[in-house]
């Protein structure tokens, strides 16, 4: 089983933490276990509260319904749902992005 380094950043909140996430674990779950506070609501990929933007690397959030919240351009910009997001490589993710979805 692969394990990846997931860097969670948010300049406005002073967040810059790196966590180790197995390929079969959800990023939100591991962040919560590591006492990193990230926004969430449904935990099932049916809302956009946990939106993050993958800046480097790859995250798979296909277990939910990301197409309900993100158009093709937003997906291309890296917007992903972290509650159902699993890393597919080492990655860097900008967190707390729900209020900025329309910018992409």
N, C-alpha and C. Protein backbone atom coordinates (compact mmCIF):
# COMPACT_ATOMS: atom_id res chain seq x y z
N UNK A 1 0.85 -1.18 0.00
CA UNK A 1 0.00 0.00 0.00
C UNK A 1 0.89 1.24 0.00
N UNK A 2 0.58 2.18 -0.86
CA UNK A 2 1.36 3.40 -0.97
C UNK A 2 0.92 4.41 0.09
N UNK A 3 1.89 5.18 0.54
CA UNK A 3 1.63 6.26 1.49
C UNK A 3 2.20 7.54 0.89
N UNK A 4 1.44 8.61 0.99
CA UNK A 4 1.83 9.86 0.35
C UNK A 4 1.94 11.01 1.35
N UNK A 5 2.80 11.95 1.02
CA UNK A 5 2.95 13.17 1.80
C UNK A 5 1.95 14.19 1.24
N UNK A 6 1.04 14.64 2.09
CA UNK A 6 0.02 15.60 1.69
C UNK A 6 0.25 16.88 2.47
N UNK A 7 0.61 17.92 1.76
CA UNK A 7 0.86 19.23 2.38
C UNK A 7 -0.42 20.05 2.28
N UNK A 8 -0.90 20.50 3.42
CA UNK A 8 -2.11 21.32 3.51
C UNK A 8 -1.68 22.74 3.82
N UNK A 9 -2.10 23.68 2.96
CA UNK A 9 -1.68 25.06 3.15
C UNK A 9 -2.87 26.02 3.05
N UNK A 10 -2.77 27.10 3.79
CA UNK A 10 -3.69 28.22 3.67
C UNK A 10 -3.00 29.42 4.29
N UNK A 11 -2.51 30.30 3.44
CA UNK A 11 -1.73 31.45 3.89
C UNK A 11 -2.52 32.33 4.85
N UNK A 12 -3.79 32.58 4.55
CA UNK A 12 -4.60 33.46 5.40
C UNK A 12 -4.78 32.92 6.81
N UNK A 13 -4.75 31.62 6.97
CA UNK A 13 -4.94 30.99 8.28
C UNK A 13 -3.62 30.57 8.92
N UNK A 14 -2.52 30.80 8.23
CA UNK A 14 -1.22 30.39 8.75
C UNK A 14 -1.06 28.88 8.79
N UNK A 15 -1.75 28.18 7.91
CA UNK A 15 -1.69 26.72 7.88
C UNK A 15 -0.64 26.26 6.89
N UNK A 16 0.25 25.42 7.35
CA UNK A 16 1.24 24.76 6.50
C UNK A 16 1.67 23.49 7.22
N UNK A 17 0.93 22.42 7.00
CA UNK A 17 1.16 21.14 7.67
C UNK A 17 1.25 20.03 6.63
N UNK A 18 2.13 19.09 6.88
CA UNK A 18 2.26 17.93 6.01
C UNK A 18 1.88 16.69 6.80
N UNK A 19 0.99 15.89 6.21
CA UNK A 19 0.54 14.65 6.84
C UNK A 19 0.82 13.48 5.91
N UNK A 20 0.95 12.29 6.48
CA UNK A 20 1.12 11.08 5.69
C UNK A 20 -0.24 10.41 5.55
N UNK A 21 -0.64 10.16 4.30
CA UNK A 21 -1.96 9.61 4.03
C UNK A 21 -1.80 8.37 3.15
N UNK A 22 -2.33 7.23 3.62
CA UNK A 22 -2.33 6.03 2.79
C UNK A 22 -3.25 6.23 1.59
N UNK A 23 -2.98 5.52 0.52
CA UNK A 23 -3.75 5.68 -0.71
C UNK A 23 -5.22 5.32 -0.54
N UNK A 24 -5.56 4.57 0.49
CA UNK A 24 -6.95 4.19 0.71
C UNK A 24 -7.62 4.98 1.83
N UNK A 25 -6.96 6.04 2.31
CA UNK A 25 -7.53 6.89 3.37
C UNK A 25 -8.00 8.22 2.79
N UNK A 26 -9.00 8.78 3.43
CA UNK A 26 -9.47 10.11 3.03
C UNK A 26 -8.61 11.18 3.70
N UNK A 27 -8.28 12.20 2.95
CA UNK A 27 -7.43 13.27 3.45
C UNK A 27 -8.06 13.94 4.67
N UNK A 28 -9.35 14.23 4.62
CA UNK A 28 -10.02 14.87 5.76
C UNK A 28 -9.90 14.03 7.03
N UNK A 29 -10.08 12.72 6.92
CA UNK A 29 -10.01 11.85 8.10
C UNK A 29 -8.64 11.91 8.75
N UNK A 30 -7.59 11.85 7.94
CA UNK A 30 -6.23 11.87 8.50
C UNK A 30 -5.92 13.25 9.08
N UNK A 31 -6.33 14.31 8.40
CA UNK A 31 -6.12 15.66 8.93
C UNK A 31 -6.80 15.81 10.29
N UNK A 32 -8.01 15.32 10.37
CA UNK A 32 -8.76 15.40 11.63
C UNK A 32 -8.04 14.61 12.73
N UNK A 33 -7.54 13.42 12.41
CA UNK A 33 -6.81 12.61 13.37
C UNK A 33 -5.56 13.35 13.86
N UNK A 34 -4.93 14.11 12.95
CA UNK A 34 -3.73 14.88 13.28
C UNK A 34 -4.07 16.24 13.92
N UNK A 35 -5.34 16.45 14.22
CA UNK A 35 -5.85 17.67 14.86
C UNK A 35 -5.65 18.93 14.02
N UNK A 36 -5.77 18.75 12.70
CA UNK A 36 -5.76 19.88 11.77
C UNK A 36 -7.22 20.15 11.43
N UNK A 37 -7.68 21.35 11.72
CA UNK A 37 -9.08 21.68 11.50
C UNK A 37 -9.33 22.12 10.06
N UNK A 38 -10.10 21.31 9.36
CA UNK A 38 -10.52 21.63 8.00
C UNK A 38 -12.04 21.69 7.99
N UNK A 39 -12.60 22.52 7.12
CA UNK A 39 -14.07 22.59 7.06
C UNK A 39 -14.67 21.34 6.43
N UNK A 40 -15.84 20.94 6.92
CA UNK A 40 -16.57 19.83 6.33
C UNK A 40 -18.01 19.91 6.82
N UNK A 41 -18.86 19.17 6.17
CA UNK A 41 -20.25 19.08 6.58
C UNK A 41 -20.75 17.66 6.42
N UNK A 42 -20.93 17.21 5.19
CA UNK A 42 -21.59 15.92 4.93
C UNK A 42 -20.69 14.70 5.09
N UNK A 43 -19.41 14.83 4.81
CA UNK A 43 -18.44 13.73 4.83
C UNK A 43 -18.74 12.65 3.79
N UNK A 44 -19.57 12.95 2.81
CA UNK A 44 -19.91 11.95 1.80
C UNK A 44 -19.79 12.46 0.37
N UNK A 45 -19.25 13.65 0.19
CA UNK A 45 -19.08 14.19 -1.15
C UNK A 45 -20.35 14.74 -1.77
N UNK A 46 -21.31 15.11 -0.93
CA UNK A 46 -22.57 15.65 -1.46
C UNK A 46 -22.78 17.11 -1.09
N UNK A 47 -21.71 17.78 -0.63
CA UNK A 47 -21.74 19.23 -0.43
C UNK A 47 -20.35 19.75 -0.82
N UNK A 48 -20.10 21.02 -0.72
CA UNK A 48 -18.81 21.55 -1.13
C UNK A 48 -18.03 22.19 0.02
N UNK A 49 -18.43 21.94 1.25
CA UNK A 49 -17.79 22.57 2.42
C UNK A 49 -16.30 22.27 2.50
N UNK A 50 -15.89 21.08 2.12
CA UNK A 50 -14.50 20.65 2.29
C UNK A 50 -13.62 20.92 1.07
N UNK A 51 -14.06 21.75 0.17
CA UNK A 51 -13.32 21.99 -1.07
C UNK A 51 -11.88 22.44 -0.81
N UNK A 52 -10.96 21.79 -1.51
CA UNK A 52 -9.56 22.18 -1.53
C UNK A 52 -9.12 22.28 -2.97
N UNK A 53 -7.98 22.94 -3.20
CA UNK A 53 -7.44 23.05 -4.55
C UNK A 53 -6.08 22.39 -4.60
N UNK A 54 -5.98 21.34 -5.40
CA UNK A 54 -4.73 20.62 -5.55
C UNK A 54 -3.80 21.45 -6.43
N UNK A 55 -2.71 21.89 -5.82
CA UNK A 55 -1.73 22.73 -6.53
C UNK A 55 -0.67 21.86 -7.18
N UNK A 56 -0.28 20.80 -6.50
CA UNK A 56 0.69 19.84 -7.03
C UNK A 56 0.21 18.45 -6.67
N UNK A 57 0.43 17.50 -7.55
CA UNK A 57 0.06 16.12 -7.28
C UNK A 57 -1.33 15.78 -7.79
N UNK A 58 -1.88 14.68 -7.26
CA UNK A 58 -3.15 14.17 -7.75
C UNK A 58 -3.98 13.63 -6.59
N UNK A 59 -5.27 13.99 -6.58
CA UNK A 59 -6.23 13.52 -5.58
C UNK A 59 -7.45 12.98 -6.31
N UNK A 60 -7.90 11.79 -5.92
CA UNK A 60 -9.09 11.17 -6.51
C UNK A 60 -10.27 11.37 -5.56
N UNK A 61 -11.28 12.09 -6.01
CA UNK A 61 -12.50 12.26 -5.20
C UNK A 61 -13.72 11.71 -5.93
N UNK A 62 -13.51 10.73 -6.76
CA UNK A 62 -14.59 10.19 -7.59
C UNK A 62 -15.59 9.34 -6.82
N UNK A 63 -15.33 9.07 -5.55
CA UNK A 63 -16.28 8.29 -4.74
C UNK A 63 -17.56 9.07 -4.45
N UNK A 64 -17.52 10.37 -4.62
CA UNK A 64 -18.70 11.21 -4.39
C UNK A 64 -19.24 11.75 -5.69
N UNK A 65 -19.78 12.95 -5.63
CA UNK A 65 -20.37 13.57 -6.81
C UNK A 65 -19.79 14.98 -7.02
N UNK A 66 -18.47 15.07 -7.26
CA UNK A 66 -17.87 16.39 -7.43
C UNK A 66 -18.43 17.18 -8.61
N UNK A 67 -18.96 16.48 -9.61
CA UNK A 67 -19.52 17.17 -10.77
C UNK A 67 -20.76 17.99 -10.40
N UNK A 68 -21.34 17.75 -9.24
CA UNK A 68 -22.47 18.55 -8.77
C UNK A 68 -22.04 19.96 -8.38
N UNK A 69 -20.75 20.12 -8.06
CA UNK A 69 -20.27 21.38 -7.52
C UNK A 69 -19.25 22.08 -8.40
N UNK A 70 -18.54 21.32 -9.22
CA UNK A 70 -17.46 21.88 -10.02
C UNK A 70 -17.70 21.64 -11.51
N UNK A 71 -17.49 22.69 -12.31
CA UNK A 71 -17.55 22.51 -13.75
C UNK A 71 -16.19 22.01 -14.25
N UNK A 72 -16.09 21.81 -15.53
CA UNK A 72 -14.87 21.27 -16.13
C UNK A 72 -13.65 22.15 -15.85
N UNK A 73 -13.81 23.46 -15.95
CA UNK A 73 -12.69 24.37 -15.69
C UNK A 73 -12.26 24.33 -14.23
N UNK A 74 -13.22 24.25 -13.32
CA UNK A 74 -12.90 24.19 -11.89
C UNK A 74 -12.17 22.89 -11.56
N UNK A 75 -12.59 21.80 -12.18
CA UNK A 75 -11.89 20.53 -11.98
C UNK A 75 -10.47 20.63 -12.52
N UNK A 76 -10.32 21.24 -13.69
CA UNK A 76 -8.99 21.41 -14.27
C UNK A 76 -8.10 22.29 -13.40
N UNK A 77 -8.71 23.22 -12.67
CA UNK A 77 -7.96 24.10 -11.76
C UNK A 77 -7.55 23.37 -10.48
N UNK A 78 -8.03 22.15 -10.29
CA UNK A 78 -7.62 21.34 -9.15
C UNK A 78 -8.59 21.26 -8.00
N UNK A 79 -9.81 21.77 -8.16
CA UNK A 79 -10.76 21.72 -7.06
C UNK A 79 -11.20 20.28 -6.80
N UNK A 80 -11.11 19.89 -5.53
CA UNK A 80 -11.45 18.53 -5.11
C UNK A 80 -12.17 18.57 -3.77
N UNK A 81 -12.95 17.53 -3.49
CA UNK A 81 -13.64 17.38 -2.21
C UNK A 81 -12.74 16.55 -1.30
N UNK A 82 -12.27 17.15 -0.21
CA UNK A 82 -11.29 16.48 0.64
C UNK A 82 -11.90 15.42 1.54
N UNK A 83 -13.21 15.48 1.79
CA UNK A 83 -13.83 14.47 2.65
C UNK A 83 -13.82 13.10 1.99
N UNK A 84 -13.80 13.07 0.67
CA UNK A 84 -13.75 11.80 -0.07
C UNK A 84 -12.52 11.74 -0.97
N UNK A 85 -11.59 12.65 -0.74
CA UNK A 85 -10.38 12.72 -1.54
C UNK A 85 -9.29 11.80 -1.01
N UNK A 86 -8.75 10.99 -1.90
CA UNK A 86 -7.64 10.09 -1.58
C UNK A 86 -6.45 10.48 -2.43
N UNK A 87 -5.28 10.59 -1.83
CA UNK A 87 -4.10 10.98 -2.62
C UNK A 87 -3.69 9.87 -3.57
N UNK A 88 -3.23 10.28 -4.73
CA UNK A 88 -2.69 9.34 -5.72
C UNK A 88 -1.21 9.60 -5.95
N UNK A 89 -0.68 10.60 -5.23
CA UNK A 89 0.74 10.96 -5.28
C UNK A 89 0.99 11.90 -4.11
N UNK A 90 2.25 12.24 -3.87
CA UNK A 90 2.52 13.34 -2.94
C UNK A 90 1.83 14.57 -3.51
N UNK A 91 1.27 15.41 -2.66
CA UNK A 91 0.54 16.56 -3.19
C UNK A 91 0.54 17.74 -2.22
N UNK A 92 0.23 18.89 -2.78
CA UNK A 92 0.06 20.13 -2.02
C UNK A 92 -1.35 20.62 -2.30
N UNK A 93 -2.08 20.93 -1.23
CA UNK A 93 -3.49 21.31 -1.35
C UNK A 93 -3.74 22.61 -0.59
N UNK A 94 -4.33 23.57 -1.29
CA UNK A 94 -4.78 24.80 -0.64
C UNK A 94 -6.17 24.51 -0.06
N UNK A 95 -6.33 24.75 1.22
CA UNK A 95 -7.56 24.38 1.93
C UNK A 95 -8.53 25.55 2.04
N UNK A 96 -9.71 25.27 2.57
CA UNK A 96 -10.73 26.28 2.86
C UNK A 96 -11.11 27.06 1.58
N UNK A 97 -11.43 26.35 0.53
CA UNK A 97 -11.66 26.97 -0.78
C UNK A 97 -13.13 27.12 -1.17
N UNK A 98 -14.06 26.69 -0.35
CA UNK A 98 -15.47 26.72 -0.76
C UNK A 98 -15.92 28.12 -1.19
N UNK A 99 -15.52 29.14 -0.46
CA UNK A 99 -15.96 30.51 -0.79
C UNK A 99 -15.31 31.05 -2.06
N UNK A 100 -14.31 30.34 -2.57
CA UNK A 100 -13.59 30.81 -3.76
C UNK A 100 -13.88 29.99 -5.02
N UNK A 101 -14.79 29.03 -4.93
CA UNK A 101 -15.07 28.15 -6.08
C UNK A 101 -15.35 28.95 -7.35
N UNK A 102 -16.12 30.01 -7.25
CA UNK A 102 -16.51 30.77 -8.44
C UNK A 102 -15.36 31.52 -9.09
N UNK A 103 -14.22 31.61 -8.43
CA UNK A 103 -13.05 32.28 -9.01
C UNK A 103 -12.39 31.44 -10.11
N UNK A 104 -12.73 30.17 -10.18
CA UNK A 104 -12.06 29.27 -11.11
C UNK A 104 -12.96 28.85 -12.25
